[in-house]
């Protein structure tokens, strides 16, 4: 598991039915590409978040495959339509097999 990995998610707590909301996510991660060398000339192993997946009430909203060219601390901002109250589930997958998750509730009223 990469050290210091911390997901952050910003989702409005409330919305109206059918409203398009903006969701912002950031995960603290070094995103080492596997191309650099350390001070001894050894290749630093690749260690990246390779997939980001978001669902709303178990329906996929966004599913992104990330490549080594993605910068440190990947940030995503996207919009989603909220048809009803429910839960957004955010999942990040690491090369080392680690999975980082967060979830946020949205209340439609």
PDB file of N, CA and C in Angstrom:
ATOM      1  N   UNK A   1       0.847  -1.187   0.000  1.00  0.00           N
ATOM      2  CA  UNK A   1       0.000   0.000   0.000  1.00  0.00           C
ATOM      3  C   UNK A   1       0.885   1.241   0.000  1.00  0.00           C
ATOM      4  N   UNK A   2       0.607   2.155  -0.883  1.00  0.00           N
ATOM      5  CA  UNK A   2       1.343   3.415  -0.921  1.00  0.00           C
ATOM      6  C   UNK A   2       1.059   4.187   0.366  1.00  0.00           C
ATOM      7  N   UNK A   3       2.065   4.876   0.876  1.00  0.00           N
ATOM      8  CA  UNK A   3       1.874   5.591   2.136  1.00  0.00           C
ATOM      9  C   UNK A   3       1.256   6.963   1.895  1.00  0.00           C
ATOM     10  N   UNK A   4       0.477   7.420   2.863  1.00  0.00           N
ATOM     11  CA  UNK A   4      -0.108   8.750   2.806  1.00  0.00           C
ATOM     12  C   UNK A   4      -1.215   8.950   1.797  1.00  0.00           C
ATOM     13  N   UNK A   5      -1.805   7.872   1.313  1.00  0.00           N
ATOM     14  CA  UNK A   5      -2.879   7.994   0.325  1.00  0.00           C
ATOM     15  C   UNK A   5      -4.156   8.408   1.044  1.00  0.00           C
ATOM     16  N   UNK A   6      -4.748   9.503   0.568  1.00  0.00           N
ATOM     17  CA  UNK A   6      -5.960  10.007   1.213  1.00  0.00           C
ATOM     18  C   UNK A   6      -6.918  10.547   0.159  1.00  0.00           C
ATOM     19  N   UNK A   7      -8.085   9.903   0.008  1.00  0.00           N
ATOM     20  CA  UNK A   7      -9.072  10.442  -0.932  1.00  0.00           C
ATOM     21  C   UNK A   7      -9.861  11.598  -0.313  1.00  0.00           C
ATOM     22  N   UNK A   8     -10.188  12.572  -1.143  1.00  0.00           N
ATOM     23  CA  UNK A   8     -11.039  13.693  -0.719  1.00  0.00           C
ATOM     24  C   UNK A   8     -12.127  13.857  -1.772  1.00  0.00           C
ATOM     25  N   UNK A   9     -13.351  14.021  -1.290  1.00  0.00           N
ATOM     26  CA  UNK A   9     -14.493  14.107  -2.199  1.00  0.00           C
ATOM     27  C   UNK A   9     -15.393  15.254  -1.761  1.00  0.00           C
ATOM     28  N   UNK A  10     -15.864  16.029  -2.739  1.00  0.00           N
ATOM     29  CA  UNK A  10     -16.794  17.123  -2.457  1.00  0.00           C
ATOM     30  C   UNK A  10     -18.040  16.921  -3.310  1.00  0.00           C
ATOM     31  N   UNK A  11     -19.164  16.674  -2.635  1.00  0.00           N
ATOM     32  CA  UNK A  11     -20.459  16.452  -3.288  1.00  0.00           C
ATOM     33  C   UNK A  11     -21.493  17.284  -2.534  1.00  0.00           C
ATOM     34  N   UNK A  12     -22.370  18.004  -3.229  1.00  0.00           N
ATOM     35  CA  UNK A  12     -23.420  18.736  -2.522  1.00  0.00           C
ATOM     36  C   UNK A  12     -24.278  17.780  -1.685  1.00  0.00           C
ATOM     37  N   UNK A  13     -24.660  18.194  -0.493  1.00  0.00           N
ATOM     38  CA  UNK A  13     -25.465  17.347   0.392  1.00  0.00           C
ATOM     39  C   UNK A  13     -26.911  17.250  -0.073  1.00  0.00           C
ATOM     40  N   UNK A  14     -27.383  18.288  -0.774  1.00  0.00           N
ATOM     41  CA  UNK A  14     -28.769  18.296  -1.244  1.00  0.00           C
ATOM     42  C   UNK A  14     -28.828  18.700  -2.713  1.00  0.00           C
ATOM     43  N   UNK A  15     -29.902  18.285  -3.365  1.00  0.00           N
ATOM     44  CA  UNK A  15     -30.141  18.632  -4.769  1.00  0.00           C
ATOM     45  C   UNK A  15     -31.631  18.486  -5.038  1.00  0.00           C
ATOM     46  N   UNK A  16     -32.076  19.010  -6.174  1.00  0.00           N
ATOM     47  CA  UNK A  16     -33.454  18.782  -6.594  1.00  0.00           C
ATOM     48  C   UNK A  16     -33.452  17.640  -7.606  1.00  0.00           C
ATOM     49  N   UNK A  17     -34.570  16.954  -7.738  1.00  0.00           N
ATOM     50  CA  UNK A  17     -34.661  15.820  -8.668  1.00  0.00           C
ATOM     51  C   UNK A  17     -34.314  16.277 -10.082  1.00  0.00           C
ATOM     52  N   UNK A  18     -33.393  15.583 -10.728  1.00  0.00           N
ATOM     53  CA  UNK A  18     -32.984  15.917 -12.085  1.00  0.00           C
ATOM     54  C   UNK A  18     -31.901  16.972 -12.178  1.00  0.00           C
ATOM     55  N   UNK A  19     -31.472  17.501 -11.046  1.00  0.00           N
ATOM     56  CA  UNK A  19     -30.437  18.538 -11.052  1.00  0.00           C
ATOM     57  C   UNK A  19     -29.082  17.950 -11.454  1.00  0.00           C
ATOM     58  N   UNK A  20     -28.327  18.747 -12.189  1.00  0.00           N
ATOM     59  CA  UNK A  20     -26.955  18.375 -12.535  1.00  0.00           C
ATOM     60  C   UNK A  20     -26.043  19.005 -11.485  1.00  0.00           C
ATOM     61  N   UNK A  21     -25.300  18.166 -10.771  1.00  0.00           N
ATOM     62  CA  UNK A  21     -24.409  18.663  -9.727  1.00  0.00           C
ATOM     63  C   UNK A  21     -22.953  18.473 -10.153  1.00  0.00           C
ATOM     64  N   UNK A  22     -22.082  19.268  -9.557  1.00  0.00           N
ATOM     65  CA  UNK A  22     -20.646  19.150  -9.810  1.00  0.00           C
ATOM     66  C   UNK A  22     -20.010  18.389  -8.659  1.00  0.00           C
ATOM     67  N   UNK A  23     -19.205  17.399  -9.017  1.00  0.00           N
ATOM     68  CA  UNK A  23     -18.510  16.561  -8.047  1.00  0.00           C
ATOM     69  C   UNK A  23     -17.019  16.770  -8.242  1.00  0.00           C
ATOM     70  N   UNK A  24     -16.299  16.931  -7.131  1.00  0.00           N
ATOM     71  CA  UNK A  24     -14.853  17.130  -7.183  1.00  0.00           C
ATOM     72  C   UNK A  24     -14.176  16.059  -6.334  1.00  0.00           C
ATOM     73  N   UNK A  25     -13.135  15.440  -6.884  1.00  0.00           N
ATOM     74  CA  UNK A  25     -12.387  14.431  -6.136  1.00  0.00           C
ATOM     75  C   UNK A  25     -10.891  14.667  -6.304  1.00  0.00           C
ATOM     76  N   UNK A  26     -10.160  14.324  -5.261  1.00  0.00           N
ATOM     77  CA  UNK A  26      -8.710  14.385  -5.296  1.00  0.00           C
ATOM     78  C   UNK A  26      -8.202  13.253  -4.422  1.00  0.00           C
ATOM     79  N   UNK A  27      -7.172  12.569  -4.858  1.00  0.00           N
ATOM     80  CA  UNK A  27      -6.562  11.545  -4.024  1.00  0.00           C
ATOM     81  C   UNK A  27      -5.072  11.838  -3.929  1.00  0.00           C
ATOM     82  N   UNK A  28      -4.569  11.891  -2.701  1.00  0.00           N
ATOM     83  CA  UNK A  28      -3.145  12.132  -2.469  1.00  0.00           C
ATOM     84  C   UNK A  28      -2.384  10.862  -2.816  1.00  0.00           C
ATOM     85  N   UNK A  29      -1.575  10.919  -3.851  1.00  0.00           N
ATOM     86  CA  UNK A  29      -0.822   9.748  -4.300  1.00  0.00           C
ATOM     87  C   UNK A  29       0.355  10.232  -5.138  1.00  0.00           C
ATOM     88  N   UNK A  30       1.517   9.613  -4.981  1.00  0.00           N
ATOM     89  CA  UNK A  30       2.722  10.060  -5.696  1.00  0.00           C
ATOM     90  C   UNK A  30       2.678   9.790  -7.190  1.00  0.00           C
ATOM     91  N   UNK A  31       1.901   8.791  -7.624  1.00  0.00           N
ATOM     92  CA  UNK A  31       1.771   8.465  -9.048  1.00  0.00           C
ATOM     93  C   UNK A  31       3.146   8.312  -9.706  1.00  0.00           C
ATOM     94  N   UNK A  32       3.943   7.417  -9.171  1.00  0.00           N
ATOM     95  CA  UNK A  32       5.283   7.157  -9.708  1.00  0.00           C
ATOM     96  C   UNK A  32       5.168   6.366 -11.002  1.00  0.00           C
ATOM     97  N   UNK A  33       5.696   6.904 -12.089  1.00  0.00           N
ATOM     98  CA  UNK A  33       5.507   6.330 -13.425  1.00  0.00           C
ATOM     99  C   UNK A  33       6.349   5.092 -13.717  1.00  0.00           C
ATOM    100  N   UNK A  34       7.405   4.875 -12.938  1.00  0.00           N
ATOM    101  CA  UNK A  34       8.313   3.770 -13.224  1.00  0.00           C
ATOM    102  C   UNK A  34       9.400   4.151 -14.209  1.00  0.00           C
ATOM    103  N   UNK A  35       9.476   5.421 -14.577  1.00  0.00           N
ATOM    104  CA  UNK A  35      10.471   5.904 -15.541  1.00  0.00           C
ATOM    105  C   UNK A  35      11.665   6.593 -14.868  1.00  0.00           C
ATOM    106  N   UNK A  36      11.483   7.013 -13.615  1.00  0.00           N
ATOM    107  CA  UNK A  36      12.554   7.763 -12.937  1.00  0.00           C
ATOM    108  C   UNK A  36      13.530   6.821 -12.231  1.00  0.00           C
ATOM    109  N   UNK A  37      14.696   7.371 -11.907  1.00  0.00           N
ATOM    110  CA  UNK A  37      15.707   6.618 -11.167  1.00  0.00           C
ATOM    111  C   UNK A  37      16.001   7.336  -9.854  1.00  0.00           C
ATOM    112  N   UNK A  38      16.360   6.547  -8.833  1.00  0.00           N
ATOM    113  CA  UNK A  38      16.732   7.147  -7.556  1.00  0.00           C
ATOM    114  C   UNK A  38      18.187   7.614  -7.611  1.00  0.00           C
ATOM    115  N   UNK A  39      18.707   8.127  -6.487  1.00  0.00           N
ATOM    116  CA  UNK A  39      20.067   8.679  -6.465  1.00  0.00           C
ATOM    117  C   UNK A  39      21.146   7.632  -6.732  1.00  0.00           C
ATOM    118  N   UNK A  40      20.819   6.356  -6.554  1.00  0.00           N
ATOM    119  CA  UNK A  40      21.772   5.273  -6.833  1.00  0.00           C
ATOM    120  C   UNK A  40      21.648   4.741  -8.263  1.00  0.00           C
ATOM    121  N   UNK A  41      20.754   5.306  -9.048  1.00  0.00           N
ATOM    122  CA  UNK A  41      20.577   4.875 -10.430  1.00  0.00           C
ATOM    123  C   UNK A  41      19.600   3.728 -10.619  1.00  0.00           C
ATOM    124  N   UNK A  42      18.933   3.332  -9.539  1.00  0.00           N
ATOM    125  CA  UNK A  42      17.945   2.252  -9.625  1.00  0.00           C
ATOM    126  C   UNK A  42      16.592   2.808 -10.056  1.00  0.00           C
ATOM    127  N   UNK A  43      15.911   2.059 -10.896  1.00  0.00           N
ATOM    128  CA  UNK A  43      14.586   2.482 -11.343  1.00  0.00           C
ATOM    129  C   UNK A  43      13.613   2.450 -10.173  1.00  0.00           C
ATOM    130  N   UNK A  44      12.874   3.544 -10.014  1.00  0.00           N
ATOM    131  CA  UNK A  44      11.828   3.599  -8.987  1.00  0.00           C
ATOM    132  C   UNK A  44      10.623   2.869  -9.562  1.00  0.00           C
ATOM    133  N   UNK A  45      10.129   1.834  -8.878  1.00  0.00           N
ATOM    134  CA  UNK A  45       9.028   1.036  -9.434  1.00  0.00           C
ATOM    135  C   UNK A  45       7.761   1.859  -9.675  1.00  0.00           C
ATOM    136  N   UNK A  46       7.042   1.479 -10.701  1.00  0.00           N
ATOM    137  CA  UNK A  46       5.762   2.118 -11.011  1.00  0.00           C
ATOM    138  C   UNK A  46       4.805   1.908  -9.841  1.00  0.00           C
ATOM    139  N   UNK A  47       4.109   2.962  -9.474  1.00  0.00           N
ATOM    140  CA  UNK A  47       3.087   2.907  -8.428  1.00  0.00           C
ATOM    141  C   UNK A  47       2.082   4.007  -8.732  1.00  0.00           C
ATOM    142  N   UNK A  48       0.979   3.623  -9.381  1.00  0.00           N
ATOM    143  CA  UNK A  48      -0.026   4.621  -9.752  1.00  0.00           C
ATOM    144  C   UNK A  48      -1.425   4.141  -9.370  1.00  0.00           C
ATOM    145  N   UNK A  49      -2.330   5.101  -9.269  1.00  0.00           N
ATOM    146  CA  UNK A  49      -3.752   4.785  -9.234  1.00  0.00           C
ATOM    147  C   UNK A  49      -4.090   4.463 -10.683  1.00  0.00           C
ATOM    148  N   UNK A  50      -4.537   3.234 -10.961  1.00  0.00           N
ATOM    149  CA  UNK A  50      -4.747   2.840 -12.355  1.00  0.00           C
ATOM    150  C   UNK A  50      -6.211   2.847 -12.794  1.00  0.00           C
ATOM    151  N   UNK A  51      -7.125   3.044 -11.835  1.00  0.00           N
ATOM    152  CA  UNK A  51      -8.546   3.095 -12.202  1.00  0.00           C
ATOM    153  C   UNK A  51      -9.307   3.907 -11.163  1.00  0.00           C
ATOM    154  N   UNK A  52     -10.278   4.684 -11.640  1.00  0.00           N
ATOM    155  CA  UNK A  52     -11.166   5.471 -10.785  1.00  0.00           C
ATOM    156  C   UNK A  52     -12.588   5.172 -11.234  1.00  0.00           C
ATOM    157  N   UNK A  53     -13.419   4.741 -10.296  1.00  0.00           N
ATOM    158  CA  UNK A  53     -14.781   4.309 -10.623  1.00  0.00           C
ATOM    159  C   UNK A  53     -15.757   4.966  -9.651  1.00  0.00           C
ATOM    160  N   UNK A  54     -16.853   5.504 -10.192  1.00  0.00           N
ATOM    161  CA  UNK A  54     -17.879   6.147  -9.368  1.00  0.00           C
ATOM    162  C   UNK A  54     -19.233   5.562  -9.722  1.00  0.00           C
ATOM    163  N   UNK A  55     -20.015   5.244  -8.687  1.00  0.00           N
ATOM    164  CA  UNK A  55     -21.390   4.787  -8.896  1.00  0.00           C
ATOM    165  C   UNK A  55     -22.344   5.678  -8.107  1.00  0.00           C
ATOM    166  N   UNK A  56     -23.583   5.717  -8.575  1.00  0.00           N
ATOM    167  CA  UNK A  56     -24.670   6.355  -7.829  1.00  0.00           C
ATOM    168  C   UNK A  56     -25.765   5.314  -7.709  1.00  0.00           C
ATOM    169  N   UNK A  57     -26.074   4.920  -6.487  1.00  0.00           N
ATOM    170  CA  UNK A  57     -27.048   3.850  -6.233  1.00  0.00           C
ATOM    171  C   UNK A  57     -26.740   2.619  -7.094  1.00  0.00           C
ATOM    172  N   UNK A  58     -25.469   2.240  -7.103  1.00  0.00           N
ATOM    173  CA  UNK A  58     -24.961   1.046  -7.795  1.00  0.00           C
ATOM    174  C   UNK A  58     -24.976   1.133  -9.324  1.00  0.00           C
ATOM    175  N   UNK A  59     -25.255   2.292  -9.892  1.00  0.00           N
ATOM    176  CA  UNK A  59     -25.181   2.501 -11.345  1.00  0.00           C
ATOM    177  C   UNK A  59     -23.905   3.288 -11.654  1.00  0.00           C
ATOM    178  N   UNK A  60     -23.120   2.831 -12.617  1.00  0.00           N
ATOM    179  CA  UNK A  60     -21.868   3.509 -12.957  1.00  0.00           C
ATOM    180  C   UNK A  60     -22.127   4.921 -13.478  1.00  0.00           C
ATOM    181  N   UNK A  61     -21.390   5.872 -12.914  1.00  0.00           N
ATOM    182  CA  UNK A  61     -21.445   7.270 -13.339  1.00  0.00           C
ATOM    183  C   UNK A  61     -20.224   7.589 -14.198  1.00  0.00           C
ATOM    184  N   UNK A  62     -19.063   7.131 -13.742  1.00  0.00           N
ATOM    185  CA  UNK A  62     -17.816   7.371 -14.460  1.00  0.00           C
ATOM    186  C   UNK A  62     -16.859   6.222 -14.145  1.00  0.00           C
ATOM    187  N   UNK A  63     -16.103   5.814 -15.146  1.00  0.00           N
ATOM    188  CA  UNK A  63     -15.121   4.740 -14.976  1.00  0.00           C
ATOM    189  C   UNK A  63     -13.910   5.112 -15.827  1.00  0.00           C
ATOM    190  N   UNK A  64     -12.807   5.439 -15.173  1.00  0.00           N
ATOM    191  CA  UNK A  64     -11.635   5.972 -15.859  1.00  0.00           C
ATOM    192  C   UNK A  64     -10.437   5.054 -15.645  1.00  0.00           C
ATOM    193  N   UNK A  65      -9.738   4.727 -16.724  1.00  0.00           N
ATOM    194  CA  UNK A  65      -8.471   4.006 -16.636  1.00  0.00           C
ATOM    195  C   UNK A  65      -7.366   5.056 -16.708  1.00  0.00           C
ATOM    196  N   UNK A  66      -6.497   5.060 -15.703  1.00  0.00           N
ATOM    197  CA  UNK A  66      -5.416   6.039 -15.642  1.00  0.00           C
ATOM    198  C   UNK A  66      -4.107   5.415 -16.099  1.00  0.00           C
ATOM    199  N   UNK A  67      -3.266   6.223 -16.690  1.00  0.00           N
ATOM    200  CA  UNK A  67      -1.967   5.794 -17.203  1.00  0.00           C
ATOM    201  C   UNK A  67      -0.860   6.522 -16.440  1.00  0.00           C
ATOM    202  N   UNK A  68       0.393   6.094 -16.583  1.00  0.00           N
ATOM    203  CA  UNK A  68       1.491   6.695 -15.827  1.00  0.00           C
ATOM    204  C   UNK A  68       1.697   8.191 -16.054  1.00  0.00           C
ATOM    205  N   UNK A  69       1.202   8.751 -17.138  1.00  0.00           N
ATOM    206  CA  UNK A  69       1.402  10.179 -17.405  1.00  0.00           C
ATOM    207  C   UNK A  69       0.523  11.078 -16.533  1.00  0.00           C
ATOM    208  N   UNK A  70      -0.400  10.516 -15.777  1.00  0.00           N
ATOM    209  CA  UNK A  70      -1.255  11.312 -14.888  1.00  0.00           C
ATOM    210  C   UNK A  70      -0.395  11.883 -13.762  1.00  0.00           C
ATOM    211  N   UNK A  71      -0.624  13.142 -13.419  1.00  0.00           N
ATOM    212  CA  UNK A  71       0.201  13.815 -12.420  1.00  0.00           C
ATOM    213  C   UNK A  71      -0.053  13.308 -11.001  1.00  0.00           C
ATOM    214  N   UNK A  72       0.849  13.679 -10.124  1.00  0.00           N
ATOM    215  CA  UNK A  72       0.711  13.400  -8.696  1.00  0.00           C
ATOM    216  C   UNK A  72      -0.619  13.969  -8.204  1.00  0.00           C
ATOM    217  N   UNK A  73      -1.244  13.283  -7.260  1.00  0.00           N
ATOM    218  CA  UNK A  73      -2.506  13.712  -6.647  1.00  0.00           C
ATOM    219  C   UNK A  73      -3.609  13.942  -7.692  1.00  0.00           C
ATOM    220  N   UNK A  74      -4.035  12.886  -8.368  1.00  0.00           N
ATOM    221  CA  UNK A  74      -5.043  13.026  -9.429  1.00  0.00           C
ATOM    222  C   UNK A  74      -6.333  13.707  -8.941  1.00  0.00           C
ATOM    223  N   UNK A  75      -6.774  14.683  -9.721  1.00  0.00           N
ATOM    224  CA  UNK A  75      -7.974  15.465  -9.416  1.00  0.00           C
ATOM    225  C   UNK A  75      -8.964  15.277 -10.556  1.00  0.00           C
ATOM    226  N   UNK A  76     -10.195  14.985 -10.191  1.00  0.00           N
ATOM    227  CA  UNK A  76     -11.257  14.874 -11.187  1.00  0.00           C
ATOM    228  C   UNK A  76     -12.411  15.767 -10.773  1.00  0.00           C
ATOM    229  N   UNK A  77     -12.953  16.487 -11.745  1.00  0.00           N
ATOM    230  CA  UNK A  77     -14.174  17.267 -11.552  1.00  0.00           C
ATOM    231  C   UNK A  77     -15.110  16.878 -12.685  1.00  0.00           C
ATOM    232  N   UNK A  78     -16.325  16.491 -12.319  1.00  0.00           N
ATOM    233  CA  UNK A  78     -17.284  16.074 -13.338  1.00  0.00           C
ATOM    234  C   UNK A  78     -18.693  16.378 -12.851  1.00  0.00           C
ATOM    235  N   UNK A  79     -19.645  16.279 -13.761  1.00  0.00           N
ATOM    236  CA  UNK A  79     -21.039  16.541 -13.427  1.00  0.00           C
ATOM    237  C   UNK A  79     -21.846  15.259 -13.518  1.00  0.00           C
ATOM    238  N   UNK A  80     -22.880  15.193 -12.688  1.00  0.00           N
ATOM    239  CA  UNK A  80     -23.771  14.033 -12.689  1.00  0.00           C
ATOM    240  C   UNK A  80     -25.190  14.512 -12.410  1.00  0.00           C
ATOM    241  N   UNK A  81     -26.141  13.863 -13.034  1.00  0.00           N
ATOM    242  CA  UNK A  81     -27.552  14.153 -12.792  1.00  0.00           C
ATOM    243  C   UNK A  81     -28.022  13.309 -11.615  1.00  0.00           C
ATOM    244  N   UNK A  82     -28.744  13.958 -10.703  1.00  0.00           N
ATOM    245  CA  UNK A  82     -29.238  13.274  -9.509  1.00  0.00           C
ATOM    246  C   UNK A  82     -30.752  13.099  -9.635  1.00  0.00           C
ATOM    247  N   UNK A  83     -31.231  11.898  -9.985  1.00  0.00           N
ATOM    248  CA  UNK A  83     -32.662  11.683 -10.165  1.00  0.00           C
ATOM    249  C   UNK A  83     -33.421  11.470  -8.857  1.00  0.00           C
ATOM    250  N   UNK A  84     -32.686  11.054  -7.816  1.00  0.00           N
ATOM    251  CA  UNK A  84     -33.315  10.708  -6.532  1.00  0.00           C
ATOM    252  C   UNK A  84     -32.258  10.762  -5.440  1.00  0.00           C
ATOM    253  N   UNK A  85     -32.700  10.690  -4.190  1.00  0.00           N
ATOM    254  CA  UNK A  85     -31.751  10.604  -3.083  1.00  0.00           C
ATOM    255  C   UNK A  85     -30.938   9.329  -3.228  1.00  0.00           C
ATOM    256  N   UNK A  86     -29.700   9.390  -2.803  1.00  0.00           N
ATOM    257  CA  UNK A  86     -28.883   8.189  -2.906  1.00  0.00           C
ATOM    258  C   UNK A  86     -27.453   8.413  -2.479  1.00  0.00           C
ATOM    259  N   UNK A  87     -26.626   7.436  -2.826  1.00  0.00           N
ATOM    260  CA  UNK A  87     -25.231   7.425  -2.405  1.00  0.00           C
ATOM    261  C   UNK A  87     -24.294   7.339  -3.604  1.00  0.00           C
ATOM    262  N   UNK A  88     -23.346   8.254  -3.643  1.00  0.00           N
ATOM    263  CA  UNK A  88     -22.242   8.166  -4.585  1.00  0.00           C
ATOM    264  C   UNK A  88     -21.141   7.368  -3.905  1.00  0.00           C
ATOM    265  N   UNK A  89     -20.623   6.360  -4.593  1.00  0.00           N
ATOM    266  CA  UNK A  89     -19.509   5.571  -4.076  1.00  0.00           C
ATOM    267  C   UNK A  89     -18.314   5.786  -4.998  1.00  0.00           C
ATOM    268  N   UNK A  90     -17.196   6.160  -4.415  1.00  0.00           N
ATOM    269  CA  UNK A  90     -15.968   6.476  -5.137  1.00  0.00           C
ATOM    270  C   UNK A  90     -14.929   5.410  -4.820  1.00  0.00           C
ATOM    271  N   UNK A  91     -14.305   4.844  -5.858  1.00  0.00           N
ATOM    272  CA  UNK A  91     -13.310   3.795  -5.658  1.00  0.00           C
ATOM    273  C   UNK A  91     -12.097   4.064  -6.536  1.00  0.00           C
ATOM    274  N   UNK A  92     -10.932   4.047  -5.912  1.00  0.00           N
ATOM    275  CA  UNK A  92      -9.656   4.197  -6.601  1.00  0.00           C
ATOM    276  C   UNK A  92      -8.892   2.885  -6.452  1.00  0.00           C
ATOM    277  N   UNK A  93      -8.294   2.409  -7.536  1.00  0.00           N
ATOM    278  CA  UNK A  93      -7.549   1.150  -7.536  1.00  0.00           C
ATOM    279  C   UNK A  93      -6.070   1.445  -7.765  1.00  0.00           C
ATOM    280  N   UNK A  94      -5.219   0.907  -6.889  1.00  0.00           N
ATOM    281  CA  UNK A  94      -3.774   1.129  -6.935  1.00  0.00           C
ATOM    282  C   UNK A  94      -3.081  -0.059  -7.596  1.00  0.00           C
ATOM    283  N   UNK A  95      -1.945   0.194  -8.242  1.00  0.00           N
ATOM    284  CA  UNK A  95      -1.141  -0.875  -8.841  1.00  0.00           C
ATOM    285  C   UNK A  95      -0.797  -1.984  -7.851  1.00  0.00           C
ATOM    286  N   UNK A  96      -0.601  -1.622  -6.589  1.00  0.00           N
ATOM    287  CA  UNK A  96      -0.187  -2.619  -5.602  1.00  0.00           C
ATOM    288  C   UNK A  96      -1.350  -3.462  -5.077  1.00  0.00           C
ATOM    289  N   UNK A  97      -2.530  -3.266  -5.646  1.00  0.00           N
ATOM    290  CA  UNK A  97      -3.700  -4.030  -5.230  1.00  0.00           C
ATOM    291  C   UNK A  97      -4.561  -3.334  -4.188  1.00  0.00           C
ATOM    292  N   UNK A  98      -4.074  -2.231  -3.653  1.00  0.00           N
ATOM    293  CA  UNK A  98      -4.854  -1.480  -2.667  1.00  0.00           C
ATOM    294  C   UNK A  98      -6.070  -0.847  -3.329  1.00  0.00           C
ATOM    295  N   UNK A  99      -7.140  -0.746  -2.560  1.00  0.00           N
ATOM    296  CA  UNK A  99      -8.368  -0.110  -3.023  1.00  0.00           C
ATOM    297  C   UNK A  99      -8.738   0.941  -1.988  1.00  0.00           C
ATOM    298  N   UNK A 100      -8.987   2.160  -2.449  1.00  0.00           N
ATOM    299  CA  UNK A 100      -9.356   3.264  -1.573  1.00  0.00           C
ATOM    300  C   UNK A 100     -10.785   3.660  -1.907  1.00  0.00           C
ATOM    301  N   UNK A 101     -11.604   3.820  -0.868  1.00  0.00           N
ATOM    302  CA  UNK A 101     -13.026   4.101  -1.094  1.00  0.00           C
ATOM    303  C   UNK A 101     -13.504   5.263  -0.239  1.00  0.00           C
ATOM    304  N   UNK A 102     -14.519   5.920  -0.744  1.00  0.00           N
ATOM    305  CA  UNK A 102     -15.234   6.955  -0.011  1.00  0.00           C
ATOM    306  C   UNK A 102     -16.657   6.951  -0.547  1.00  0.00           C
ATOM    307  N   UNK A 103     -17.578   7.477   0.218  1.00  0.00           N
ATOM    308  CA  UNK A 103     -18.961   7.587  -0.259  1.00  0.00           C
ATOM    309  C   UNK A 103     -19.583   8.855   0.306  1.00  0.00           C
ATOM    310  N   UNK A 104     -20.537   9.382  -0.425  1.00  0.00           N
ATOM    311  CA  UNK A 104     -21.242  10.602  -0.029  1.00  0.00           C
ATOM    312  C   UNK A 104     -22.719  10.447  -0.350  1.00  0.00           C
ATOM    313  N   UNK A 105     -23.540  10.872   0.585  1.00  0.00           N
ATOM    314  CA  UNK A 105     -24.996  10.848   0.424  1.00  0.00           C
ATOM    315  C   UNK A 105     -25.464  12.158  -0.202  1.00  0.00           C
ATOM    316  N   UNK A 106     -26.476  12.064  -1.051  1.00  0.00           N
ATOM    317  CA  UNK A 106     -27.144  13.239  -1.606  1.00  0.00           C
ATOM    318  C   UNK A 106     -28.630  13.077  -1.319  1.00  0.00           C
ATOM    319  N   UNK A 107     -29.205  14.111  -0.731  1.00  0.00           N
ATOM    320  CA  UNK A 107     -30.630  14.089  -0.411  1.00  0.00           C
ATOM    321  C   UNK A 107     -31.380  14.953  -1.424  1.00  0.00           C
ATOM    322  N   UNK A 108     -32.380  14.361  -2.074  1.00  0.00           N
ATOM    323  CA  UNK A 108     -33.202  15.095  -3.037  1.00  0.00           C
ATOM    324  C   UNK A 108     -34.482  15.512  -2.334  1.00  0.00           C
ATOM    325  N   UNK A 109     -34.765  16.802  -2.423  1.00  0.00           N
ATOM    326  CA  UNK A 109     -35.956  17.283  -1.734  1.00  0.00           C
ATOM    327  C   UNK A 109     -36.645  18.391  -2.476  1.00  0.00           C
TER     328      UNK A 109
END
